[in-house]
Amino acid sequence: MKLEFHHINFVSEDVERLHRFYTEVLGLDDIPVQSFPRPEATRQSGYAGRIRFATDGRMQMHLAERDLGVAFRNGAVINPVERGHIAFRTDDIDAFKALLDARGIPYSDYGTAFAKEWHQVFFHDPEGNVIEVHQAVG
């Protein structure tokens, strides 16, 4: 099972201001929102918050609107857009979930509720930081 660092997610009440900072002050390139297809959010699933993306050409930054209710609406425990998270990409999400299960690490499996092309799971490190691991699907 391969695992590689993919992105950092910061949350904000003002996503546009945060995006301008990273693109105008730090010179990161914009990633068009259309390149990240999202399922339509419902009352029971998904995330409808504003989101923008930036990159240095290798690593991505996902800048998302804070949403304290996203875990509740998705029947999950871990909220990836409360304080933000770091993310890794794997080539075998099932093997990674088996690793978490074997180590007794609880996780929230959001499947493709947030991104049509990614199967995402979220869990905490020993200090309570949120980590995402996802696999590209489709």
C-alpha atoms as a PDB file:
ATOM      1  CA  MET A   1       0.000   0.000   0.000  1.00  0.00           C
ATOM      2  CA  LYS A   2       1.419   3.331  -1.107  1.00  0.00           C
ATOM      3  CA  LEU A   3       0.856   6.545   0.889  1.00  0.00           C
ATOM      4  CA  GLU A   4       1.892  10.054  -0.184  1.00  0.00           C
ATOM      5  CA  PHE A   5       1.305  13.531   1.195  1.00  0.00           C
ATOM      6  CA  HIS A   6      -1.419  15.294  -0.843  1.00  0.00           C
ATOM      7  CA  HIS A   7      -2.767  18.504   0.716  1.00  0.00           C
ATOM      8  CA  ILE A   8      -3.287  20.727   3.721  1.00  0.00           C
ATOM      9  CA  ASN A   9      -6.815  21.908   4.481  1.00  0.00           C
ATOM     10  CA  PHE A  10      -7.346  25.190   6.302  1.00  0.00           C
ATOM     11  CA  VAL A  11     -10.819  26.359   7.284  1.00  0.00           C
ATOM     12  CA  SER A  12     -12.044  29.916   7.441  1.00  0.00           C
ATOM     13  CA  GLU A  13     -15.110  32.082   7.750  1.00  0.00           C
ATOM     14  CA  ASP A  14     -13.781  34.052   4.721  1.00  0.00           C
ATOM     15  CA  VAL A  15     -12.458  31.602   2.127  1.00  0.00           C
ATOM     16  CA  GLU A  16     -11.927  34.291  -0.523  1.00  0.00           C
ATOM     17  CA  ARG A  17      -9.704  36.347   1.781  1.00  0.00           C
ATOM     18  CA  LEU A  18      -7.666  33.268   2.651  1.00  0.00           C
ATOM     19  CA  HIS A  19      -7.345  32.280  -1.033  1.00  0.00           C
ATOM     20  CA  ARG A  20      -6.175  35.799  -1.962  1.00  0.00           C
ATOM     21  CA  PHE A  21      -3.525  35.613   0.746  1.00  0.00           C
ATOM     22  CA  TYR A  22      -2.059  32.333  -0.503  1.00  0.00           C
ATOM     23  CA  THR A  23      -2.201  33.279  -4.184  1.00  0.00           C
ATOM     24  CA  GLU A  24      -1.285  36.985  -4.006  1.00  0.00           C
ATOM     25  CA  VAL A  25       1.105  37.114  -1.048  1.00  0.00           C
ATOM     26  CA  LEU A  26       2.725  33.676  -1.259  1.00  0.00           C
ATOM     27  CA  GLY A  27       2.373  33.339  -5.029  1.00  0.00           C
ATOM     28  CA  LEU A  28       0.639  29.965  -5.143  1.00  0.00           C
ATOM     29  CA  ASP A  29      -1.298  29.141  -8.301  1.00  0.00           C
ATOM     30  CA  ASP A  30      -5.076  28.885  -8.300  1.00  0.00           C
ATOM     31  CA  ILE A  31      -6.608  25.470  -8.995  1.00  0.00           C
ATOM     32  CA  PRO A  32     -10.022  25.961 -10.631  1.00  0.00           C
ATOM     33  CA  VAL A  33     -12.885  24.820  -8.414  1.00  0.00           C
ATOM     34  CA  GLN A  34     -14.321  22.958 -11.424  1.00  0.00           C
ATOM     35  CA  SER A  35     -11.387  20.531 -11.284  1.00  0.00           C
ATOM     36  CA  PHE A  36     -12.767  19.152  -8.013  1.00  0.00           C
ATOM     37  CA  PRO A  37     -16.248  17.737  -8.725  1.00  0.00           C
ATOM     38  CA  ARG A  38     -18.409  17.528  -5.623  1.00  0.00           C
ATOM     39  CA  PRO A  39     -21.667  15.683  -5.084  1.00  0.00           C
ATOM     40  CA  GLU A  40     -24.652  17.848  -4.303  1.00  0.00           C
ATOM     41  CA  ALA A  41     -24.997  18.219  -0.550  1.00  0.00           C
ATOM     42  CA  THR A  42     -28.249  17.171   1.101  1.00  0.00           C
ATOM     43  CA  ARG A  43     -29.552  17.428   4.655  1.00  0.00           C
ATOM     44  CA  GLN A  44     -28.050  13.979   5.374  1.00  0.00           C
ATOM     45  CA  SER A  45     -24.891  13.923   3.283  1.00  0.00           C
ATOM     46  CA  GLY A  46     -22.081  15.979   1.807  1.00  0.00           C
ATOM     47  CA  TYR A  47     -20.680  19.442   2.328  1.00  0.00           C
ATOM     48  CA  ALA A  48     -22.013  22.590   0.669  1.00  0.00           C
ATOM     49  CA  GLY A  49     -19.462  25.049   2.061  1.00  0.00           C
ATOM     50  CA  ARG A  50     -17.393  27.356  -0.088  1.00  0.00           C
ATOM     51  CA  ILE A  51     -14.033  25.896  -1.092  1.00  0.00           C
ATOM     52  CA  ARG A  52     -11.014  27.158  -3.059  1.00  0.00           C
ATOM     53  CA  PHE A  53      -7.734  25.518  -4.026  1.00  0.00           C
ATOM     54  CA  ALA A  54      -4.136  26.646  -4.492  1.00  0.00           C
ATOM     55  CA  THR A  55      -0.877  24.870  -5.300  1.00  0.00           C
ATOM     56  CA  ASP A  56       2.858  25.321  -5.602  1.00  0.00           C
ATOM     57  CA  GLY A  57       2.807  22.787  -8.448  1.00  0.00           C
ATOM     58  CA  ARG A  58       3.330  19.749  -6.249  1.00  0.00           C
ATOM     59  CA  MET A  59       1.369  20.160  -3.035  1.00  0.00           C
ATOM     60  CA  GLN A  60      -2.164  21.493  -2.742  1.00  0.00           C
ATOM     61  CA  MET A  61      -3.929  23.711  -0.242  1.00  0.00           C
ATOM     62  CA  HIS A  62      -7.673  23.235   0.190  1.00  0.00           C
ATOM     63  CA  LEU A  63      -9.287  26.307   1.727  1.00  0.00           C
ATOM     64  CA  ALA A  64     -12.747  25.490   3.027  1.00  0.00           C
ATOM     65  CA  GLU A  65     -15.562  27.256   4.784  1.00  0.00           C
ATOM     66  CA  ARG A  66     -15.857  26.174   8.414  1.00  0.00           C
ATOM     67  CA  ASP A  67     -18.931  23.996   9.023  1.00  0.00           C
ATOM     68  CA  LEU A  68     -19.433  22.767  12.575  1.00  0.00           C
ATOM     69  CA  GLY A  69     -22.388  20.537  11.617  1.00  0.00           C
ATOM     70  CA  VAL A  70     -20.878  18.506   8.790  1.00  0.00           C
ATOM     71  CA  ALA A  71     -20.152  15.402  10.899  1.00  0.00           C
ATOM     72  CA  PHE A  72     -23.668  15.383  12.362  1.00  0.00           C
ATOM     73  CA  ARG A  73     -25.258  15.635   8.899  1.00  0.00           C
ATOM     74  CA  ASN A  74     -23.119  12.807   7.551  1.00  0.00           C
ATOM     75  CA  GLY A  75     -23.654  10.439  10.488  1.00  0.00           C
ATOM     76  CA  ALA A  76     -19.952  10.663  11.345  1.00  0.00           C
ATOM     77  CA  VAL A  77     -17.896  11.514  14.401  1.00  0.00           C
ATOM     78  CA  ILE A  78     -14.901  13.342  12.942  1.00  0.00           C
ATOM     79  CA  ASN A  79     -15.424  16.764  11.362  1.00  0.00           C
ATOM     80  CA  PRO A  80     -12.749  17.593   8.758  1.00  0.00           C
ATOM     81  CA  VAL A  81     -13.910  21.201   8.309  1.00  0.00           C
ATOM     82  CA  GLU A  82     -14.027  22.284  11.935  1.00  0.00           C
ATOM     83  CA  ARG A  83     -10.293  22.995  12.391  1.00  0.00           C
ATOM     84  CA  GLY A  84      -8.845  21.688   9.125  1.00  0.00           C
ATOM     85  CA  HIS A  85      -6.683  18.653   8.430  1.00  0.00           C
ATOM     86  CA  ILE A  86      -3.722  17.225   6.539  1.00  0.00           C
ATOM     87  CA  ALA A  87      -4.289  14.682   3.804  1.00  0.00           C
ATOM     88  CA  PHE A  88      -2.527  11.727   2.260  1.00  0.00           C
ATOM     89  CA  ARG A  89      -3.406   9.766  -0.867  1.00  0.00           C
ATOM     90  CA  THR A  90      -3.276   5.968  -0.951  1.00  0.00           C
ATOM     91  CA  ASP A  91      -3.620   3.429  -3.714  1.00  0.00           C
ATOM     92  CA  ASP A  92      -5.562   1.008  -1.454  1.00  0.00           C
ATOM     93  CA  ILE A  93      -8.138   2.562   0.878  1.00  0.00           C
ATOM     94  CA  ASP A  94      -9.402  -0.839   2.032  1.00  0.00           C
ATOM     95  CA  ALA A  95      -5.920  -1.907   3.127  1.00  0.00           C
ATOM     96  CA  PHE A  96      -5.502   1.407   4.920  1.00  0.00           C
ATOM     97  CA  LYS A  97      -8.825   1.000   6.752  1.00  0.00           C
ATOM     98  CA  ALA A  98      -7.734  -2.525   7.742  1.00  0.00           C
ATOM     99  CA  LEU A  99      -4.526  -1.018   9.174  1.00  0.00           C
ATOM    100  CA  LEU A 100      -6.554   1.473  11.229  1.00  0.00           C
ATOM    101  CA  ASP A 101      -8.862  -1.337  12.417  1.00  0.00           C
ATOM    102  CA  ALA A 102      -5.887  -3.536  13.369  1.00  0.00           C
ATOM    103  CA  ARG A 103      -4.424  -0.699  15.452  1.00  0.00           C
ATOM    104  CA  GLY A 104      -7.753   0.164  17.066  1.00  0.00           C
ATOM    105  CA  ILE A 105      -7.848   3.661  15.561  1.00  0.00           C
ATOM    106  CA  PRO A 106     -11.441   4.835  15.055  1.00  0.00           C
ATOM    107  CA  TYR A 107     -12.232   6.712  11.852  1.00  0.00           C
ATOM    108  CA  SER A 108     -15.092   8.292   9.963  1.00  0.00           C
ATOM    109  CA  ASP A 109     -15.551   6.847   6.474  1.00  0.00           C
ATOM    110  CA  TYR A 110     -17.154   9.556   4.333  1.00  0.00           C
ATOM    111  CA  GLY A 111     -16.816   7.555   1.117  1.00  0.00           C
ATOM    112  CA  THR A 112     -17.451   9.939  -1.784  1.00  0.00           C
ATOM    113  CA  ALA A 113     -19.788  12.294   0.132  1.00  0.00           C
ATOM    114  CA  PHE A 114     -17.406  15.267  -0.262  1.00  0.00           C
ATOM    115  CA  ALA A 115     -15.642  14.494  -3.545  1.00  0.00           C
ATOM    116  CA  LYS A 116     -17.059  12.471  -6.429  1.00  0.00           C
ATOM    117  CA  GLU A 117     -13.613  11.167  -7.370  1.00  0.00           C
ATOM    118  CA  TRP A 118     -12.171  10.419  -3.909  1.00  0.00           C
ATOM    119  CA  HIS A 119     -13.054   7.877  -1.219  1.00  0.00           C
ATOM    120  CA  GLN A 120     -12.119   9.669   2.027  1.00  0.00           C
ATOM    121  CA  VAL A 121     -11.607   8.534   5.618  1.00  0.00           C
ATOM    122  CA  PHE A 122     -10.754  10.841   8.517  1.00  0.00           C
ATOM    123  CA  PHE A 123      -9.197  10.026  11.892  1.00  0.00           C
ATOM    124  CA  HIS A 124      -7.229  11.672  14.702  1.00  0.00           C
ATOM    125  CA  ASP A 125      -3.539  11.464  15.466  1.00  0.00           C
ATOM    126  CA  PRO A 126      -2.552  11.026  19.150  1.00  0.00           C
ATOM    127  CA  GLU A 127      -2.795  14.823  19.696  1.00  0.00           C
ATOM    128  CA  GLY A 128      -6.273  15.155  18.181  1.00  0.00           C
ATOM    129  CA  ASN A 129      -5.227  16.564  14.808  1.00  0.00           C
ATOM    130  CA  VAL A 130      -7.477  15.426  11.967  1.00  0.00           C
ATOM    131  CA  ILE A 131      -5.895  13.373   9.188  1.00  0.00           C
ATOM    132  CA  GLU A 132      -7.492  12.425   5.888  1.00  0.00           C
ATOM    133  CA  VAL A 133      -6.498   9.467   3.745  1.00  0.00           C
ATOM    134  CA  HIS A 134      -8.182   9.156   0.390  1.00  0.00           C
ATOM    135  CA  GLN A 135      -8.048   7.050  -2.738  1.00  0.00           C
ATOM    136  CA  ALA A 136      -8.937   8.277  -6.206  1.00  0.00           C
ATOM    137  CA  VAL A 137     -11.953   6.376  -7.560  1.00  0.00           C
ATOM    138  CA  GLY A 138     -13.543   6.071 -10.957  1.00  0.00           C
END
